[in-house]
C-alpha cells in the first residue's frame, strides 16, 4: 500500500481464470474505499451465460476495510444471473 500524505492509497489488480463453468477472480492488493467501485465492476461483468459459479480467491489480498467487506457481502448475497 502506498500513501499520499497521511492517507493510504491501495493498488488492486484482478486476474480472471475460467475453469469449465467456474469463474475464478483473484484480486491482488487491497479492497477498500478507493478500489471497491472498480472491483465491483470487474465482479459484475465477468460472468457470462455459461458461468455457474464465481469464486473470489482472496489469498493475495493484503488489506480489506469496511468498504471492501461491504462489497464482498453485497456480492455474496446476489446470485449470478445473466440475461
N, C-alpha and C. Protein backbone atom coordinates (compact mmCIF):
# COMPACT_ATOMS: atom_id res chain seq x y z
N UNK A 1 0.83 -1.16 0.00
CA UNK A 1 0.00 0.00 0.00
C UNK A 1 0.89 1.23 0.00
N UNK A 2 0.61 2.17 -0.88
CA UNK A 2 1.33 3.44 -0.95
C UNK A 2 0.58 4.45 -0.09
N UNK A 3 1.15 5.64 0.02
CA UNK A 3 0.42 6.68 0.74
C UNK A 3 0.62 8.02 0.06
N UNK A 4 -0.37 8.87 0.21
CA UNK A 4 -0.31 10.24 -0.27
C UNK A 4 -0.49 11.09 0.98
N UNK A 5 0.56 11.75 1.40
CA UNK A 5 0.49 12.48 2.66
C UNK A 5 0.23 11.49 3.79
N UNK A 6 -0.85 11.67 4.50
CA UNK A 6 -1.21 10.78 5.60
C UNK A 6 -2.24 9.74 5.18
N UNK A 7 -2.73 9.80 3.94
CA UNK A 7 -3.81 8.93 3.52
C UNK A 7 -3.28 7.75 2.70
N UNK A 8 -3.54 6.50 3.13
CA UNK A 8 -3.09 5.35 2.36
C UNK A 8 -3.86 5.22 1.05
N UNK A 9 -3.18 4.76 0.03
CA UNK A 9 -3.78 4.54 -1.28
C UNK A 9 -3.52 3.10 -1.68
N UNK A 10 -4.57 2.34 -1.92
CA UNK A 10 -4.42 0.94 -2.29
C UNK A 10 -4.29 0.78 -3.79
N UNK A 11 -3.59 -0.24 -4.17
CA UNK A 11 -3.48 -0.64 -5.56
C UNK A 11 -4.05 -2.05 -5.65
N UNK A 12 -4.99 -2.26 -6.55
CA UNK A 12 -5.61 -3.57 -6.69
C UNK A 12 -5.69 -3.94 -8.16
N UNK A 13 -5.29 -5.15 -8.46
CA UNK A 13 -5.47 -5.74 -9.77
C UNK A 13 -6.31 -6.98 -9.57
N UNK A 14 -6.85 -7.51 -10.66
CA UNK A 14 -7.67 -8.71 -10.53
C UNK A 14 -7.45 -9.58 -11.76
N UNK A 15 -6.96 -10.80 -11.54
CA UNK A 15 -6.84 -11.74 -12.64
C UNK A 15 -8.10 -12.59 -12.67
N UNK A 16 -8.42 -13.09 -13.85
CA UNK A 16 -9.63 -13.89 -14.03
C UNK A 16 -9.22 -15.18 -14.74
N UNK A 17 -9.68 -16.29 -14.20
CA UNK A 17 -9.41 -17.59 -14.81
C UNK A 17 -10.72 -18.34 -14.92
N UNK A 18 -10.94 -18.94 -16.07
CA UNK A 18 -12.16 -19.74 -16.26
C UNK A 18 -11.78 -21.22 -16.19
N UNK A 19 -12.48 -21.95 -15.34
CA UNK A 19 -12.30 -23.39 -15.21
C UNK A 19 -13.68 -24.01 -15.44
N UNK A 20 -13.87 -24.58 -16.63
CA UNK A 20 -15.18 -25.09 -17.05
C UNK A 20 -16.22 -23.98 -16.91
N UNK A 21 -17.22 -24.14 -16.05
CA UNK A 21 -18.27 -23.13 -15.87
C UNK A 21 -18.05 -22.28 -14.63
N UNK A 22 -16.83 -22.31 -14.09
CA UNK A 22 -16.49 -21.55 -12.90
C UNK A 22 -15.56 -20.40 -13.27
N UNK A 23 -15.91 -19.20 -12.82
CA UNK A 23 -15.03 -18.04 -12.98
C UNK A 23 -14.28 -17.84 -11.67
N UNK A 24 -12.96 -17.82 -11.72
CA UNK A 24 -12.14 -17.60 -10.54
C UNK A 24 -11.54 -16.20 -10.65
N UNK A 25 -11.91 -15.34 -9.70
CA UNK A 25 -11.41 -13.97 -9.67
C UNK A 25 -10.38 -13.89 -8.56
N UNK A 26 -9.20 -13.37 -8.87
CA UNK A 26 -8.12 -13.29 -7.89
C UNK A 26 -7.65 -11.84 -7.76
N UNK A 27 -8.30 -11.06 -6.90
CA UNK A 27 -7.82 -9.70 -6.67
C UNK A 27 -6.49 -9.73 -5.91
N UNK A 28 -5.66 -8.74 -6.17
CA UNK A 28 -4.36 -8.61 -5.52
C UNK A 28 -4.25 -7.20 -4.95
N UNK A 29 -3.79 -7.09 -3.72
CA UNK A 29 -3.62 -5.77 -3.12
C UNK A 29 -4.66 -5.53 -2.05
N UNK A 30 -5.30 -4.37 -2.08
CA UNK A 30 -6.28 -4.02 -1.06
C UNK A 30 -7.66 -3.86 -1.63
N UNK A 31 -8.66 -4.21 -0.83
CA UNK A 31 -10.06 -3.94 -1.15
C UNK A 31 -10.53 -2.89 -0.15
N UNK A 32 -10.68 -1.67 -0.62
CA UNK A 32 -11.04 -0.59 0.28
C UNK A 32 -11.89 0.43 -0.46
N UNK A 33 -12.11 1.57 0.17
CA UNK A 33 -12.96 2.61 -0.40
C UNK A 33 -12.44 3.10 -1.75
N UNK A 34 -11.13 3.04 -1.95
CA UNK A 34 -10.54 3.51 -3.21
C UNK A 34 -10.70 2.50 -4.35
N UNK A 35 -10.79 1.21 -4.04
CA UNK A 35 -10.80 0.18 -5.07
C UNK A 35 -12.12 -0.56 -5.18
N UNK A 36 -13.04 -0.39 -4.23
CA UNK A 36 -14.28 -1.16 -4.21
C UNK A 36 -15.12 -0.95 -5.48
N UNK A 37 -15.21 0.27 -5.96
CA UNK A 37 -16.01 0.53 -7.17
C UNK A 37 -15.46 -0.19 -8.39
N UNK A 38 -14.15 -0.14 -8.56
CA UNK A 38 -13.52 -0.81 -9.69
C UNK A 38 -13.70 -2.32 -9.59
N UNK A 39 -13.51 -2.86 -8.40
CA UNK A 39 -13.65 -4.30 -8.21
C UNK A 39 -15.11 -4.74 -8.38
N UNK A 40 -16.06 -3.93 -7.93
CA UNK A 40 -17.47 -4.27 -8.15
C UNK A 40 -17.75 -4.42 -9.64
N UNK A 41 -17.23 -3.50 -10.43
CA UNK A 41 -17.43 -3.56 -11.88
C UNK A 41 -16.84 -4.87 -12.44
N UNK A 42 -15.63 -5.22 -12.05
CA UNK A 42 -15.00 -6.45 -12.53
C UNK A 42 -15.84 -7.65 -12.12
N UNK A 43 -16.26 -7.69 -10.85
CA UNK A 43 -17.02 -8.84 -10.35
C UNK A 43 -18.37 -8.98 -11.04
N UNK A 44 -18.94 -7.87 -11.50
CA UNK A 44 -20.26 -7.91 -12.14
C UNK A 44 -20.21 -8.20 -13.63
N UNK A 45 -19.14 -7.81 -14.33
CA UNK A 45 -19.10 -8.00 -15.79
C UNK A 45 -18.46 -9.32 -16.22
N UNK A 46 -17.74 -9.97 -15.33
CA UNK A 46 -17.03 -11.19 -15.73
C UNK A 46 -17.96 -12.36 -16.04
N UNK A 47 -18.96 -12.67 -15.22
CA UNK A 47 -19.79 -13.84 -15.51
C UNK A 47 -20.52 -13.71 -16.84
N UNK A 48 -20.60 -14.82 -17.57
CA UNK A 48 -21.37 -14.85 -18.81
C UNK A 48 -22.43 -15.94 -18.69
N UNK A 49 -23.13 -16.22 -19.77
CA UNK A 49 -24.26 -17.16 -19.69
C UNK A 49 -23.84 -18.58 -19.34
N UNK A 50 -22.60 -18.95 -19.55
CA UNK A 50 -22.13 -20.30 -19.23
C UNK A 50 -21.56 -20.41 -17.82
N UNK A 51 -21.55 -19.32 -17.08
CA UNK A 51 -20.99 -19.32 -15.73
C UNK A 51 -22.01 -19.89 -14.75
N UNK A 52 -21.60 -20.90 -14.02
CA UNK A 52 -22.46 -21.49 -12.99
C UNK A 52 -22.14 -20.87 -11.63
N UNK A 53 -20.86 -20.58 -11.38
CA UNK A 53 -20.46 -20.03 -10.10
C UNK A 53 -19.27 -19.11 -10.28
N UNK A 54 -19.12 -18.20 -9.33
CA UNK A 54 -17.98 -17.29 -9.29
C UNK A 54 -17.28 -17.50 -7.96
N UNK A 55 -15.98 -17.76 -8.02
CA UNK A 55 -15.16 -17.92 -6.82
C UNK A 55 -14.23 -16.73 -6.73
N UNK A 56 -14.21 -16.08 -5.57
CA UNK A 56 -13.29 -14.96 -5.34
C UNK A 56 -12.20 -15.47 -4.40
N UNK A 57 -10.99 -15.59 -4.93
CA UNK A 57 -9.83 -16.06 -4.17
C UNK A 57 -9.15 -14.84 -3.55
N UNK A 58 -9.25 -14.72 -2.23
CA UNK A 58 -8.70 -13.56 -1.53
C UNK A 58 -7.30 -13.81 -0.97
N UNK A 59 -6.65 -14.86 -1.40
CA UNK A 59 -5.34 -15.22 -0.83
C UNK A 59 -4.26 -14.18 -1.12
N UNK A 60 -4.45 -13.33 -2.13
CA UNK A 60 -3.45 -12.31 -2.46
C UNK A 60 -3.87 -10.90 -2.04
N UNK A 61 -4.97 -10.82 -1.29
CA UNK A 61 -5.44 -9.53 -0.79
C UNK A 61 -4.81 -9.30 0.57
N UNK A 62 -4.14 -8.16 0.72
CA UNK A 62 -3.43 -7.91 1.98
C UNK A 62 -4.14 -6.91 2.89
N UNK A 63 -5.25 -6.32 2.44
CA UNK A 63 -5.96 -5.36 3.26
C UNK A 63 -7.41 -5.29 2.82
N UNK A 64 -8.35 -5.30 3.76
CA UNK A 64 -9.77 -5.12 3.48
C UNK A 64 -10.33 -4.16 4.53
N UNK A 65 -10.93 -3.05 4.08
CA UNK A 65 -11.58 -2.16 5.04
C UNK A 65 -13.09 -2.39 4.96
N UNK A 66 -13.86 -1.55 5.63
CA UNK A 66 -15.31 -1.76 5.68
C UNK A 66 -15.95 -1.67 4.29
N UNK A 67 -15.42 -0.83 3.40
CA UNK A 67 -15.97 -0.74 2.04
C UNK A 67 -15.70 -2.03 1.27
N UNK A 68 -14.51 -2.59 1.42
CA UNK A 68 -14.19 -3.86 0.76
C UNK A 68 -15.02 -5.00 1.29
N UNK A 69 -15.20 -5.03 2.60
CA UNK A 69 -16.03 -6.06 3.21
C UNK A 69 -17.48 -5.91 2.76
N UNK A 70 -17.96 -4.68 2.70
CA UNK A 70 -19.31 -4.43 2.21
C UNK A 70 -19.49 -4.91 0.78
N UNK A 71 -18.48 -4.70 -0.05
CA UNK A 71 -18.52 -5.18 -1.43
C UNK A 71 -18.67 -6.69 -1.46
N UNK A 72 -17.83 -7.40 -0.72
CA UNK A 72 -17.87 -8.86 -0.71
C UNK A 72 -19.21 -9.39 -0.19
N UNK A 73 -19.72 -8.78 0.86
CA UNK A 73 -21.01 -9.22 1.42
C UNK A 73 -22.14 -8.97 0.43
N UNK A 74 -22.15 -7.81 -0.22
CA UNK A 74 -23.22 -7.50 -1.17
C UNK A 74 -23.16 -8.42 -2.38
N UNK A 75 -21.98 -8.77 -2.83
CA UNK A 75 -21.88 -9.67 -3.99
C UNK A 75 -22.25 -11.09 -3.63
N UNK A 76 -21.96 -11.50 -2.40
CA UNK A 76 -22.30 -12.86 -1.96
C UNK A 76 -23.81 -13.04 -1.86
N UNK A 77 -24.53 -11.96 -1.63
CA UNK A 77 -25.98 -12.04 -1.46
C UNK A 77 -26.74 -12.07 -2.78
N UNK A 78 -26.04 -11.81 -3.89
CA UNK A 78 -26.70 -11.74 -5.20
C UNK A 78 -26.32 -12.96 -6.02
N UNK A 79 -27.32 -13.76 -6.45
CA UNK A 79 -26.99 -14.90 -7.30
C UNK A 79 -26.50 -14.42 -8.68
N UNK A 80 -25.69 -15.24 -9.32
CA UNK A 80 -25.21 -14.92 -10.66
C UNK A 80 -26.36 -15.12 -11.63
N UNK A 81 -26.73 -14.03 -12.30
CA UNK A 81 -27.77 -14.12 -13.33
C UNK A 81 -27.28 -13.40 -14.56
N UNK A 82 -27.46 -14.01 -15.69
CA UNK A 82 -27.04 -13.41 -16.95
C UNK A 82 -28.21 -13.46 -17.91
N UNK A 83 -28.51 -12.33 -18.53
CA UNK A 83 -29.63 -12.24 -19.46
C UNK A 83 -29.28 -12.87 -20.78
